[in-house]
Amino acid sequence: MTYSTRKQPIDAVITWVDGNDPIHQSKMDNALKGKTRKYIPGAEKTRFGNANELKYSTLSLLKFAPFIRKIFIVTDSQYPNIQDDIEKTFPDRVNDVQVIDHKEIFRDHLEFLPTFNSRSIEALLWKIKDLSENFIYLSDDMFVIRPLKPQDLFLEGRPVMRGKWLVRPVLRNLWNALNTKMQHKLLKNKAFQPKPSFHIGQWNSAKALGFKWSYFFSSHTPHAVNKNTLKNYFDKHPDILTNQVKYKFRHNSQFNCASFFYHLEIKSGNTNFARPSFISLHPFNRWDGYIEKKLNRCESNSKLLFINIQSLELCSEENQKKLKEWLWKNLGL
């Protein structure tokens, strides 16, 4: 551990769910209240799929970011089966990986549990007890693939923001407004809401914080956060936090949390911008050679630090095996 991380430790938080768990499915059925998933944006099965990605995500942090002090896995009354893998590969780090229940971070908002909404959960990660002031968070389908330095995440104690600036999504917002009006007025579908898109969620973040013409679009990488920045803001604006966490499923009006946190940083003068440095894989139902091409890019481009593999559980067993074997080989364990 370097002097800088001894002085300012960095923790990691991984959000995880096992959608195959019967108890989780029962909670989901109760929350759906008889409606099918396709009529509720954010309730798609793939959002809750599990192909044991958490094992590789956790090990990648232990391997390539050994300066990380603790890893907190946030979940809903579930316990991931990764303890044996940690004991075999990093026996001295077993106690540094802890499971945190939703009840801990929702302790001031228990009326909104159970929740199936990553945007609600991510808005409260900073409430984990004993979490370091500077921390990163990621979902279990994000993996580190090369050695990281603390400076890749924080510079002079402030978060490094990976992404790019984009112009406000005028056409997308216009279409959503027209479609919503048609559904509500003409088709009498009062329950309709536009699909909570990745771009609109990020624009919602910028707009809520006073940005008018552009927004900083964050990537599918681990996100660097300062806990006190969030605490200070939400202590002053508790209504914004409550409105964010009240939805059990993703809602079009919610903001993307990483984007919101970054725009808070930008407003306070943070200019630690960086390239995304990641590659994204959507391996389900792709053409022959797609996976190999993506993995070859990971191996040949030394500037790529992260990989995001979405909906792995939908892939064939052959492709799941191929990707997991590559992740394991890359770990060198």
C-alpha atoms as a PDB file:
ATOM      1  CA  MET A   1       0.000   0.000   0.000  1.00  0.00           C
ATOM      2  CA  THR A   2       1.386   3.373  -0.992  1.00  0.00           C
ATOM      3  CA  TYR A   3       1.636   6.377   1.313  1.00  0.00           C
ATOM      4  CA  SER A   4      -1.196   8.124  -0.520  1.00  0.00           C
ATOM      5  CA  THR A   5      -3.616   5.227  -0.025  1.00  0.00           C
ATOM      6  CA  ARG A   6      -2.574   4.850   3.605  1.00  0.00           C
ATOM      7  CA  LYS A   7      -3.410   8.503   4.098  1.00  0.00           C
ATOM      8  CA  GLN A   8      -6.519   8.414   1.899  1.00  0.00           C
ATOM      9  CA  PRO A   9      -7.705   4.803   1.602  1.00  0.00           C
ATOM     10  CA  ILE A  10      -9.835   3.723  -1.336  1.00  0.00           C
ATOM     11  CA  ASP A  11     -12.612   1.140  -0.968  1.00  0.00           C
ATOM     12  CA  ALA A  12     -14.645  -0.592  -3.664  1.00  0.00           C
ATOM     13  CA  VAL A  13     -18.361  -1.336  -3.744  1.00  0.00           C
ATOM     14  CA  ILE A  14     -19.917  -3.937  -6.046  1.00  0.00           C
ATOM     15  CA  THR A  15     -23.682  -4.183  -6.515  1.00  0.00           C
ATOM     16  CA  TRP A  16     -24.924  -7.739  -7.033  1.00  0.00           C
ATOM     17  CA  VAL A  17     -28.125  -9.749  -7.263  1.00  0.00           C
ATOM     18  CA  ASP A  18     -28.933 -13.380  -7.990  1.00  0.00           C
ATOM     19  CA  GLY A  19     -32.138 -13.209  -9.987  1.00  0.00           C
ATOM     20  CA  ASN A  20     -32.470 -17.011  -9.924  1.00  0.00           C
ATOM     21  CA  ASP A  21     -32.984 -17.056  -6.166  1.00  0.00           C
ATOM     22  CA  PRO A  22     -36.591 -18.207  -5.421  1.00  0.00           C
ATOM     23  CA  ILE A  23     -36.905 -15.743  -2.531  1.00  0.00           C
ATOM     24  CA  HIS A  24     -35.827 -12.883  -4.779  1.00  0.00           C
ATOM     25  CA  GLN A  25     -38.308 -14.019  -7.430  1.00  0.00           C
ATOM     26  CA  SER A  26     -41.084 -14.101  -4.848  1.00  0.00           C
ATOM     27  CA  LYS A  27     -40.284 -10.540  -3.774  1.00  0.00           C
ATOM     28  CA  MET A  28     -40.278  -9.512  -7.425  1.00  0.00           C
ATOM     29  CA  ASP A  29     -43.687 -11.114  -8.030  1.00  0.00           C
ATOM     30  CA  ASN A  30     -45.150  -9.217  -5.090  1.00  0.00           C
ATOM     31  CA  ALA A  31     -43.701  -5.935  -6.349  1.00  0.00           C
ATOM     32  CA  LEU A  32     -45.027  -6.499  -9.866  1.00  0.00           C
ATOM     33  CA  LYS A  33     -48.574  -6.818  -8.467  1.00  0.00           C
ATOM     34  CA  GLY A  34     -49.746  -9.115 -11.219  1.00  0.00           C
ATOM     35  CA  LYS A  35     -48.229  -7.133 -14.088  1.00  0.00           C
ATOM     36  CA  THR A  36     -45.891  -8.801 -16.542  1.00  0.00           C
ATOM     37  CA  ARG A  37     -42.304  -7.601 -16.667  1.00  0.00           C
ATOM     38  CA  LYS A  38     -42.545  -6.304 -20.232  1.00  0.00           C
ATOM     39  CA  TYR A  39     -44.959  -3.563 -19.150  1.00  0.00           C
ATOM     40  CA  ILE A  40     -42.622  -2.270 -16.441  1.00  0.00           C
ATOM     41  CA  PRO A  41     -39.391  -0.666 -17.681  1.00  0.00           C
ATOM     42  CA  GLY A  42     -36.430  -1.830 -15.645  1.00  0.00           C
ATOM     43  CA  ALA A  43     -37.986  -5.175 -14.715  1.00  0.00           C
ATOM     44  CA  GLU A  44     -36.418  -7.155 -17.573  1.00  0.00           C
ATOM     45  CA  LYS A  45     -35.022 -10.507 -16.442  1.00  0.00           C
ATOM     46  CA  THR A  46     -31.582  -9.790 -17.853  1.00  0.00           C
ATOM     47  CA  ARG A  47     -31.099  -6.997 -15.298  1.00  0.00           C
ATOM     48  CA  PHE A  48     -31.129  -9.631 -12.565  1.00  0.00           C
ATOM     49  CA  GLY A  49     -29.301 -12.427 -14.352  1.00  0.00           C
ATOM     50  CA  ASN A  50     -26.362 -14.127 -12.711  1.00  0.00           C
ATOM     51  CA  ALA A  51     -23.591 -16.171 -14.309  1.00  0.00           C
ATOM     52  CA  ASN A  52     -21.172 -15.936 -11.368  1.00  0.00           C
ATOM     53  CA  GLU A  53     -19.561 -12.813 -12.841  1.00  0.00           C
ATOM     54  CA  LEU A  54     -19.081 -11.515  -9.292  1.00  0.00           C
ATOM     55  CA  LYS A  55     -16.249 -13.994  -8.730  1.00  0.00           C
ATOM     56  CA  TYR A  56     -14.210 -12.519 -11.582  1.00  0.00           C
ATOM     57  CA  SER A  57     -15.104  -8.923 -10.781  1.00  0.00           C
ATOM     58  CA  THR A  58     -13.984  -9.303  -7.163  1.00  0.00           C
ATOM     59  CA  LEU A  59     -10.799 -11.194  -8.010  1.00  0.00           C
ATOM     60  CA  SER A  60      -9.914  -8.640 -10.679  1.00  0.00           C
ATOM     61  CA  LEU A  61      -9.944  -5.896  -8.039  1.00  0.00           C
ATOM     62  CA  LEU A  62      -7.820  -7.945  -5.653  1.00  0.00           C
ATOM     63  CA  LYS A  63      -5.361  -8.786  -8.419  1.00  0.00           C
ATOM     64  CA  PHE A  64      -5.048  -5.534 -10.358  1.00  0.00           C
ATOM     65  CA  ALA A  65      -5.894  -2.969  -7.642  1.00  0.00           C
ATOM     66  CA  PRO A  66      -4.221  -4.372  -4.514  1.00  0.00           C
ATOM     67  CA  PHE A  67      -4.259  -0.902  -2.943  1.00  0.00           C
ATOM     68  CA  ILE A  68      -8.053  -1.204  -2.507  1.00  0.00           C
ATOM     69  CA  ARG A  69      -8.597  -1.410   1.239  1.00  0.00           C
ATOM     70  CA  LYS A  70     -11.966  -3.171   1.407  1.00  0.00           C
ATOM     71  CA  ILE A  71     -14.502  -4.535  -1.060  1.00  0.00           C
ATOM     72  CA  PHE A  72     -18.165  -4.252  -0.076  1.00  0.00           C
ATOM     73  CA  ILE A  73     -20.700  -6.398  -1.950  1.00  0.00           C
ATOM     74  CA  VAL A  74     -24.168  -4.841  -1.701  1.00  0.00           C
ATOM     75  CA  THR A  75     -27.132  -7.166  -2.086  1.00  0.00           C
ATOM     76  CA  ASP A  76     -30.615  -8.021  -0.796  1.00  0.00           C
ATOM     77  CA  SER A  77     -30.448 -10.742   1.870  1.00  0.00           C
ATOM     78  CA  GLN A  78     -28.314 -12.905  -0.404  1.00  0.00           C
ATOM     79  CA  TYR A  79     -24.839 -14.300   0.057  1.00  0.00           C
ATOM     80  CA  PRO A  80     -22.525 -14.765  -2.930  1.00  0.00           C
ATOM     81  CA  ASN A  81     -20.622 -18.016  -3.251  1.00  0.00           C
ATOM     82  CA  ILE A  82     -17.142 -16.554  -3.728  1.00  0.00           C
ATOM     83  CA  GLN A  83     -15.518 -17.104  -0.335  1.00  0.00           C
ATOM     84  CA  ASP A  84     -13.659 -20.277  -1.364  1.00  0.00           C
ATOM     85  CA  ASP A  85     -12.191 -18.581  -4.431  1.00  0.00           C
ATOM     86  CA  ILE A  86     -10.877 -15.701  -2.343  1.00  0.00           C
ATOM     87  CA  GLU A  87      -9.399 -18.071   0.234  1.00  0.00           C
ATOM     88  CA  LYS A  88      -7.589 -20.033  -2.488  1.00  0.00           C
ATOM     89  CA  THR A  89      -6.207 -17.054  -4.388  1.00  0.00           C
ATOM     90  CA  PHE A  90      -5.906 -14.210  -1.851  1.00  0.00           C
ATOM     91  CA  PRO A  91      -6.047 -15.850   1.604  1.00  0.00           C
ATOM     92  CA  ASP A  92      -4.722 -12.717   3.288  1.00  0.00           C
ATOM     93  CA  ARG A  93      -7.625 -10.655   1.897  1.00  0.00           C
ATOM     94  CA  VAL A  94     -10.563 -12.813   3.028  1.00  0.00           C
ATOM     95  CA  ASN A  95     -11.643 -10.402   5.763  1.00  0.00           C
ATOM     96  CA  ASP A  96     -11.376  -7.445   3.404  1.00  0.00           C
ATOM     97  CA  VAL A  97     -14.406  -8.601   1.382  1.00  0.00           C
ATOM     98  CA  GLN A  98     -17.696  -7.943   3.163  1.00  0.00           C
ATOM     99  CA  VAL A  99     -21.356  -8.399   2.256  1.00  0.00           C
ATOM    100  CA  ILE A 100     -23.665  -5.432   2.936  1.00  0.00           C
ATOM    101  CA  ASP A 101     -27.449  -5.792   2.991  1.00  0.00           C
ATOM    102  CA  HIS A 102     -29.817  -3.285   1.417  1.00  0.00           C
ATOM    103  CA  LYS A 103     -31.257  -2.652   4.872  1.00  0.00           C
ATOM    104  CA  GLU A 104     -28.009  -0.983   5.931  1.00  0.00           C
ATOM    105  CA  ILE A 105     -27.895   1.600   3.178  1.00  0.00           C
ATOM    106  CA  PHE A 106     -31.705   2.060   3.158  1.00  0.00           C
ATOM    107  CA  ARG A 107     -31.833   2.442   6.940  1.00  0.00           C
ATOM    108  CA  ASP A 108     -33.430   5.894   6.592  1.00  0.00           C
ATOM    109  CA  HIS A 109     -35.686   4.765   3.727  1.00  0.00           C
ATOM    110  CA  LEU A 110     -36.830   1.284   4.743  1.00  0.00           C
ATOM    111  CA  GLU A 111     -40.324   1.968   3.404  1.00  0.00           C
ATOM    112  CA  PHE A 112     -38.942   1.615  -0.126  1.00  0.00           C
ATOM    113  CA  LEU A 113     -37.627  -1.919   0.357  1.00  0.00           C
ATOM    114  CA  PRO A 114     -37.466  -4.326  -1.300  1.00  0.00           C
ATOM    115  CA  THR A 115     -36.132  -2.546  -4.348  1.00  0.00           C
ATOM    116  CA  PHE A 116     -35.138  -3.865  -7.763  1.00  0.00           C
ATOM    117  CA  ASN A 117     -33.762  -0.576  -8.996  1.00  0.00           C
ATOM    118  CA  SER A 118     -30.016  -0.082  -9.436  1.00  0.00           C
ATOM    119  CA  ARG A 119     -30.470   3.689  -9.659  1.00  0.00           C
ATOM    120  CA  SER A 120     -32.099   3.723  -6.233  1.00  0.00           C
ATOM    121  CA  ILE A 121     -29.452   1.447  -4.728  1.00  0.00           C
ATOM    122  CA  GLU A 122     -26.494   3.363  -6.171  1.00  0.00           C
ATOM    123  CA  ALA A 123     -27.824   6.632  -4.749  1.00  0.00           C
ATOM    124  CA  LEU A 124     -27.310   5.242  -1.232  1.00  0.00           C
ATOM    125  CA  LEU A 125     -24.011   3.382  -1.483  1.00  0.00           C
ATOM    126  CA  TRP A 126     -22.263   6.212   0.343  1.00  0.00           C
ATOM    127  CA  LYS A 127     -24.188   5.207   3.485  1.00  0.00           C
ATOM    128  CA  ILE A 128     -22.224   1.979   3.961  1.00  0.00           C
ATOM    129  CA  LYS A 129     -20.783   2.056   7.468  1.00  0.00           C
ATOM    130  CA  ASP A 130     -16.986   2.359   7.656  1.00  0.00           C
ATOM    131  CA  LEU A 131     -16.763   3.141   3.923  1.00  0.00           C
ATOM    132  CA  SER A 132     -13.683   5.188   3.060  1.00  0.00           C
ATOM    133  CA  GLU A 133     -14.142   8.815   2.052  1.00  0.00           C
ATOM    134  CA  ASN A 134     -12.909   8.013  -1.446  1.00  0.00           C
ATOM    135  CA  PHE A 135     -14.391   4.897  -3.010  1.00  0.00           C
ATOM    136  CA  ILE A 136     -15.247   3.345  -6.348  1.00  0.00           C
ATOM    137  CA  TYR A 137     -18.346   1.411  -7.268  1.00  0.00           C
ATOM    138  CA  LEU A 138     -19.155  -0.962 -10.075  1.00  0.00           C
ATOM    139  CA  SER A 139     -21.654  -3.608 -11.086  1.00  0.00           C
ATOM    140  CA  ASP A 140     -20.645  -7.261 -11.153  1.00  0.00           C
ATOM    141  CA  ASP A 141     -20.349  -7.276 -14.961  1.00  0.00           C
ATOM    142  CA  MET A 142     -17.398  -4.855 -14.864  1.00  0.00           C
ATOM    143  CA  PHE A 143     -13.861  -6.219 -14.626  1.00  0.00           C
ATOM    144  CA  VAL A 144     -10.390  -4.748 -14.258  1.00  0.00           C
ATOM    145  CA  ILE A 145      -8.048  -6.279 -16.849  1.00  0.00           C
ATOM    146  CA  ARG A 146      -4.749  -4.479 -16.188  1.00  0.00           C
ATOM    147  CA  PRO A 147      -2.862  -3.162 -13.156  1.00  0.00           C
ATOM    148  CA  LEU A 148      -4.366   0.029 -11.763  1.00  0.00           C
ATOM    149  CA  LYS A 149      -2.711   2.815  -9.847  1.00  0.00           C
ATOM    150  CA  PRO A 150      -4.541   4.957  -7.281  1.00  0.00           C
ATOM    151  CA  GLN A 151      -4.004   7.886  -9.679  1.00  0.00           C
ATOM    152  CA  ASP A 152      -6.194   6.100 -12.243  1.00  0.00           C
ATOM    153  CA  LEU A 153      -9.082   6.627  -9.831  1.00  0.00           C
ATOM    154  CA  PHE A 154      -8.271   9.722  -7.768  1.00  0.00           C
ATOM    155  CA  LEU A 155      -5.944  12.661  -8.384  1.00  0.00           C
ATOM    156  CA  GLU A 156      -5.037  14.879  -5.443  1.00  0.00           C
ATOM    157  CA  GLY A 157      -7.879  13.291  -3.506  1.00  0.00           C
ATOM    158  CA  ARG A 158     -10.537  14.031  -6.121  1.00  0.00           C
ATOM    159  CA  PRO A 159     -12.326  11.530  -8.395  1.00  0.00           C
ATOM    160  CA  VAL A 160     -11.126  10.854 -11.909  1.00  0.00           C
ATOM    161  CA  MET A 161     -14.139  11.088 -14.250  1.00  0.00           C
ATOM    162  CA  ARG A 162     -14.100   8.801 -17.285  1.00  0.00           C
ATOM    163  CA  GLY A 163     -16.323   9.704 -20.219  1.00  0.00           C
ATOM    164  CA  LYS A 164     -16.956  12.469 -22.743  1.00  0.00           C
ATOM    165  CA  TRP A 165     -19.061  15.606 -23.197  1.00  0.00           C
ATOM    166  CA  LEU A 166     -22.236  15.352 -25.291  1.00  0.00           C
ATOM    167  CA  VAL A 167     -24.872  17.838 -26.436  1.00  0.00           C
ATOM    168  CA  ARG A 168     -28.203  17.616 -24.622  1.00  0.00           C
ATOM    169  CA  PRO A 169     -30.451  14.943 -26.202  1.00  0.00           C
ATOM    170  CA  VAL A 170     -33.068  17.278 -27.682  1.00  0.00           C
ATOM    171  CA  LEU A 171     -34.583  14.848 -30.215  1.00  0.00           C
ATOM    172  CA  ARG A 172     -34.726  11.985 -27.744  1.00  0.00           C
ATOM    173  CA  ASN A 173     -36.457  14.173 -25.165  1.00  0.00           C
ATOM    174  CA  LEU A 174     -38.906  15.464 -27.781  1.00  0.00           C
ATOM    175  CA  TRP A 175     -39.800  11.945 -28.907  1.00  0.00           C
ATOM    176  CA  ASN A 176     -40.313  10.810 -25.294  1.00  0.00           C
ATOM    177  CA  ALA A 177     -42.610  13.767 -24.626  1.00  0.00           C
ATOM    178  CA  LEU A 178     -44.683  13.166 -27.773  1.00  0.00           C
ATOM    179  CA  ASN A 179     -44.882   9.412 -27.205  1.00  0.00           C
ATOM    180  CA  THR A 180     -45.930   9.883 -23.578  1.00  0.00           C
ATOM    181  CA  LYS A 181     -48.644  12.369 -24.561  1.00  0.00           C
ATOM    182  CA  MET A 182     -49.979   9.994 -27.219  1.00  0.00           C
ATOM    183  CA  GLN A 183     -50.016   7.048 -24.817  1.00  0.00           C
ATOM    184  CA  HIS A 184     -51.672   9.008 -22.016  1.00  0.00           C
ATOM    185  CA  LYS A 185     -54.172  11.077 -24.023  1.00  0.00           C
ATOM    186  CA  LEU A 186     -55.018   9.060 -27.135  1.00  0.00           C
ATOM    187  CA  LEU A 187     -54.453   5.485 -26.042  1.00  0.00           C
ATOM    188  CA  LYS A 188     -55.540   6.064 -22.429  1.00  0.00           C
ATOM    189  CA  ASN A 189     -52.489   4.177 -21.209  1.00  0.00           C
ATOM    190  CA  LYS A 190     -51.961   6.180 -18.035  1.00  0.00           C
ATOM    191  CA  ALA A 191     -49.295   3.817 -16.710  1.00  0.00           C
ATOM    192  CA  PHE A 192     -47.001   4.338 -19.701  1.00  0.00           C
ATOM    193  CA  GLN A 193     -43.544   5.788 -19.208  1.00  0.00           C
ATOM    194  CA  PRO A 194     -40.653   5.916 -21.675  1.00  0.00           C
ATOM    195  CA  LYS A 195     -37.930   3.357 -21.259  1.00  0.00           C
ATOM    196  CA  PRO A 196     -35.348   4.703 -18.766  1.00  0.00           C
ATOM    197  CA  SER A 197     -32.478   5.052 -21.210  1.00  0.00           C
ATOM    198  CA  PHE A 198     -28.799   5.358 -20.315  1.00  0.00           C
ATOM    199  CA  HIS A 199     -28.523   8.723 -22.103  1.00  0.00           C
ATOM    200  CA  ILE A 200     -31.667  10.278 -20.648  1.00  0.00           C
ATOM    201  CA  GLY A 201     -30.668   9.195 -17.152  1.00  0.00           C
ATOM    202  CA  GLN A 202     -27.376  11.024 -17.580  1.00  0.00           C
ATOM    203  CA  TRP A 203     -29.032  14.107 -19.020  1.00  0.00           C
ATOM    204  CA  ASN A 204     -31.436  14.092 -16.053  1.00  0.00           C
ATOM    205  CA  SER A 205     -28.367  14.296 -13.818  1.00  0.00           C
ATOM    206  CA  ALA A 206     -26.934  17.312 -15.590  1.00  0.00           C
ATOM    207  CA  LYS A 207     -30.282  19.088 -15.831  1.00  0.00           C
ATOM    208  CA  ALA A 208     -31.003  18.601 -12.124  1.00  0.00           C
ATOM    209  CA  LEU A 209     -27.721  20.340 -11.316  1.00  0.00           C
ATOM    210  CA  GLY A 210     -28.227  23.301 -13.631  1.00  0.00           C
ATOM    211  CA  PHE A 211     -26.452  22.250 -16.836  1.00  0.00           C
ATOM    212  CA  LYS A 212     -28.398  23.522 -19.845  1.00  0.00           C
ATOM    213  CA  TRP A 213     -26.750  22.574 -23.127  1.00  0.00           C
ATOM    214  CA  SER A 214     -24.368  19.685 -22.568  1.00  0.00           C
ATOM    215  CA  TYR A 215     -23.656  16.836 -20.180  1.00  0.00           C
ATOM    216  CA  PHE A 216     -20.696  14.661 -19.256  1.00  0.00           C
ATOM    217  CA  PHE A 217     -21.527  11.157 -20.434  1.00  0.00           C
ATOM    218  CA  SER A 218     -19.918   8.559 -18.144  1.00  0.00           C
ATOM    219  CA  SER A 219     -18.868   5.109 -19.292  1.00  0.00           C
ATOM    220  CA  HIS A 220     -19.454   1.527 -18.089  1.00  0.00           C
ATOM    221  CA  THR A 221     -16.381   1.551 -15.871  1.00  0.00           C
ATOM    222  CA  PRO A 222     -15.806   1.641 -12.112  1.00  0.00           C
ATOM    223  CA  HIS A 223     -16.928   5.065 -10.910  1.00  0.00           C
ATOM    224  CA  ALA A 224     -14.828   7.125  -8.505  1.00  0.00           C
ATOM    225  CA  VAL A 225     -16.781   8.944  -5.794  1.00  0.00           C
ATOM    226  CA  ASN A 226     -16.122  11.172  -2.799  1.00  0.00           C
ATOM    227  CA  LYS A 227     -18.471  10.199   0.011  1.00  0.00           C
ATOM    228  CA  ASN A 228     -18.539  13.594   1.715  1.00  0.00           C
ATOM    229  CA  THR A 229     -19.474  15.361  -1.527  1.00  0.00           C
ATOM    230  CA  LEU A 230     -22.631  13.244  -1.679  1.00  0.00           C
ATOM    231  CA  LYS A 231     -23.403  13.483   2.022  1.00  0.00           C
ATOM    232  CA  ASN A 232     -23.121  17.257   2.022  1.00  0.00           C
ATOM    233  CA  TYR A 233     -25.360  17.591  -1.027  1.00  0.00           C
ATOM    234  CA  PHE A 234     -28.071  15.164   0.079  1.00  0.00           C
ATOM    235  CA  ASP A 235     -28.079  16.531   3.630  1.00  0.00           C
ATOM    236  CA  LYS A 236     -29.070  19.856   2.055  1.00  0.00           C
ATOM    237  CA  HIS A 237     -31.467  18.293  -0.486  1.00  0.00           C
ATOM    238  CA  PRO A 238     -33.102  15.277   1.215  1.00  0.00           C
ATOM    239  CA  ASP A 239     -36.153  15.570  -1.046  1.00  0.00           C
ATOM    240  CA  ILE A 240     -34.026  14.876  -4.130  1.00  0.00           C
ATOM    241  CA  LEU A 241     -32.601  11.740  -2.528  1.00  0.00           C
ATOM    242  CA  THR A 242     -36.035  10.509  -1.436  1.00  0.00           C
ATOM    243  CA  ASN A 243     -37.458  11.068  -4.912  1.00  0.00           C
ATOM    244  CA  GLN A 244     -34.557   9.105  -6.398  1.00  0.00           C
ATOM    245  CA  VAL A 245     -34.827   6.043  -4.141  1.00  0.00           C
ATOM    246  CA  LYS A 246     -38.617   5.684  -3.964  1.00  0.00           C
ATOM    247  CA  TYR A 247     -38.984   3.749  -7.234  1.00  0.00           C
ATOM    248  CA  LYS A 248     -38.858  -0.046  -6.994  1.00  0.00           C
ATOM    249  CA  PHE A 249     -38.027  -0.288 -10.696  1.00  0.00           C
ATOM    250  CA  ARG A 250     -36.131   2.099 -12.934  1.00  0.00           C
ATOM    251  CA  HIS A 251     -38.130   5.173 -13.853  1.00  0.00           C
ATOM    252  CA  ASN A 252     -37.547   7.575 -16.718  1.00  0.00           C
ATOM    253  CA  SER A 253     -37.501  10.557 -14.338  1.00  0.00           C
ATOM    254  CA  GLN A 254     -34.572   9.208 -12.315  1.00  0.00           C
ATOM    255  CA  PHE A 255     -31.000  10.325 -12.813  1.00  0.00           C
ATOM    256  CA  ASN A 256     -28.038   8.097 -13.552  1.00  0.00           C
ATOM    257  CA  CYS A 257     -26.091   8.120 -10.288  1.00  0.00           C
ATOM    258  CA  ALA A 258     -22.540   8.061 -11.661  1.00  0.00           C
ATOM    259  CA  SER A 259     -23.394  10.958 -13.935  1.00  0.00           C
ATOM    260  CA  PHE A 260     -25.019  12.860 -11.066  1.00  0.00           C
ATOM    261  CA  PHE A 261     -21.967  12.373  -8.868  1.00  0.00           C
ATOM    262  CA  TYR A 262     -19.654  13.525 -11.665  1.00  0.00           C
ATOM    263  CA  HIS A 263     -21.692  16.640 -12.373  1.00  0.00           C
ATOM    264  CA  LEU A 264     -21.524  17.494  -8.673  1.00  0.00           C
ATOM    265  CA  GLU A 265     -17.744  17.232  -8.947  1.00  0.00           C
ATOM    266  CA  ILE A 266     -17.672  19.359 -12.091  1.00  0.00           C
ATOM    267  CA  LYS A 267     -19.753  22.064 -10.417  1.00  0.00           C
ATOM    268  CA  SER A 268     -17.264  22.147  -7.549  1.00  0.00           C
ATOM    269  CA  GLY A 269     -14.350  22.694  -9.964  1.00  0.00           C
ATOM    270  CA  ASN A 270     -13.061  19.156 -10.529  1.00  0.00           C
ATOM    271  CA  THR A 271     -11.386  18.859 -13.951  1.00  0.00           C
ATOM    272  CA  ASN A 272      -9.936  15.354 -13.563  1.00  0.00           C
ATOM    273  CA  PHE A 273     -11.296  14.119 -16.905  1.00  0.00           C
ATOM    274  CA  ALA A 274      -9.975  10.913 -18.470  1.00  0.00           C
ATOM    275  CA  ARG A 275     -10.608   8.653 -21.424  1.00  0.00           C
ATOM    276  CA  PRO A 276     -13.088   5.814 -20.808  1.00  0.00           C
ATOM    277  CA  SER A 277     -10.291   3.199 -21.213  1.00  0.00           C
ATOM    278  CA  PHE A 278     -12.736   0.316 -21.458  1.00  0.00           C
ATOM    279  CA  ILE A 279     -14.205  -2.082 -23.951  1.00  0.00           C
ATOM    280  CA  SER A 280     -17.827  -3.206 -23.929  1.00  0.00           C
ATOM    281  CA  LEU A 281     -19.026  -6.678 -24.899  1.00  0.00           C
ATOM    282  CA  HIS A 282     -22.618  -7.592 -25.672  1.00  0.00           C
ATOM    283  CA  PRO A 283     -21.897 -11.235 -26.529  1.00  0.00           C
ATOM    284  CA  PHE A 284     -25.431 -12.623 -26.765  1.00  0.00           C
ATOM    285  CA  ASN A 285     -26.617 -13.541 -30.259  1.00  0.00           C
ATOM    286  CA  ARG A 286     -23.626 -12.044 -32.065  1.00  0.00           C
ATOM    287  CA  TRP A 287     -21.867 -13.041 -35.264  1.00  0.00           C
ATOM    288  CA  ASP A 288     -19.083 -15.606 -35.312  1.00  0.00           C
ATOM    289  CA  GLY A 289     -15.798 -14.074 -34.316  1.00  0.00           C
ATOM    290  CA  TYR A 290     -17.331 -11.158 -32.375  1.00  0.00           C
ATOM    291  CA  ILE A 291     -16.061 -12.328 -28.988  1.00  0.00           C
ATOM    292  CA  GLU A 292     -12.610 -13.174 -30.299  1.00  0.00           C
ATOM    293  CA  LYS A 293     -12.290  -9.761 -31.967  1.00  0.00           C
ATOM    294  CA  LYS A 294     -13.186  -7.954 -28.750  1.00  0.00           C
ATOM    295  CA  LEU A 295     -10.839 -10.047 -26.616  1.00  0.00           C
ATOM    296  CA  ASN A 296      -8.007  -9.542 -29.083  1.00  0.00           C
ATOM    297  CA  ARG A 297      -8.472  -5.795 -28.733  1.00  0.00           C
ATOM    298  CA  CYS A 298      -8.224  -6.148 -24.960  1.00  0.00           C
ATOM    299  CA  GLU A 299      -4.945  -7.993 -25.307  1.00  0.00           C
ATOM    300  CA  SER A 300      -3.404  -5.710 -27.912  1.00  0.00           C
ATOM    301  CA  ASN A 301      -4.411  -2.296 -26.547  1.00  0.00           C
ATOM    302  CA  SER A 302      -2.458  -1.589 -23.383  1.00  0.00           C
ATOM    303  CA  LYS A 303      -4.545   1.524 -22.688  1.00  0.00           C
ATOM    304  CA  LEU A 304      -7.658  -0.546 -21.968  1.00  0.00           C
ATOM    305  CA  LEU A 305      -8.059  -0.950 -18.221  1.00  0.00           C
ATOM    306  CA  PHE A 306     -11.594  -2.324 -17.941  1.00  0.00           C
ATOM    307  CA  ILE A 307     -14.009  -4.636 -19.687  1.00  0.00           C
ATOM    308  CA  ASN A 308     -17.800  -4.686 -19.374  1.00  0.00           C
ATOM    309  CA  ILE A 309     -19.568  -7.937 -20.364  1.00  0.00           C
ATOM    310  CA  GLN A 310     -23.332  -7.501 -20.451  1.00  0.00           C
ATOM    311  CA  SER A 311     -25.986 -10.239 -20.159  1.00  0.00           C
ATOM    312  CA  LEU A 312     -23.486 -13.088 -19.983  1.00  0.00           C
ATOM    313  CA  GLU A 313     -26.179 -15.401 -18.628  1.00  0.00           C
ATOM    314  CA  LEU A 314     -28.033 -15.231 -21.964  1.00  0.00           C
ATOM    315  CA  CYS A 315     -25.068 -16.648 -23.885  1.00  0.00           C
ATOM    316  CA  SER A 316     -24.603 -20.264 -24.853  1.00  0.00           C
ATOM    317  CA  GLU A 317     -22.656 -22.427 -22.414  1.00  0.00           C
ATOM    318  CA  GLU A 318     -19.838 -22.500 -24.939  1.00  0.00           C
ATOM    319  CA  ASN A 319     -19.537 -18.704 -25.063  1.00  0.00           C
ATOM    320  CA  GLN A 320     -19.921 -18.359 -21.318  1.00  0.00           C
ATOM    321  CA  LYS A 321     -17.079 -20.832 -20.877  1.00  0.00           C
ATOM    322  CA  LYS A 322     -14.947 -19.017 -23.458  1.00  0.00           C
ATOM    323  CA  LEU A 323     -15.341 -15.646 -21.729  1.00  0.00           C
ATOM    324  CA  LYS A 324     -14.823 -16.982 -18.223  1.00  0.00           C
ATOM    325  CA  GLU A 325     -11.711 -18.870 -19.281  1.00  0.00           C
ATOM    326  CA  TRP A 326     -10.340 -15.678 -20.803  1.00  0.00           C
ATOM    327  CA  LEU A 327     -11.084 -13.712 -17.625  1.00  0.00           C
ATOM    328  CA  TRP A 328      -9.391 -16.379 -15.510  1.00  0.00           C
ATOM    329  CA  LYS A 329      -6.390 -16.575 -17.803  1.00  0.00           C
ATOM    330  CA  ASN A 330      -6.060 -12.796 -17.762  1.00  0.00           C
ATOM    331  CA  LEU A 331      -6.042 -12.840 -13.954  1.00  0.00           C
ATOM    332  CA  GLY A 332      -3.002 -15.109 -14.049  1.00  0.00           C
ATOM    333  CA  LEU A 333      -4.098 -16.988 -10.955  1.00  0.00           C
END
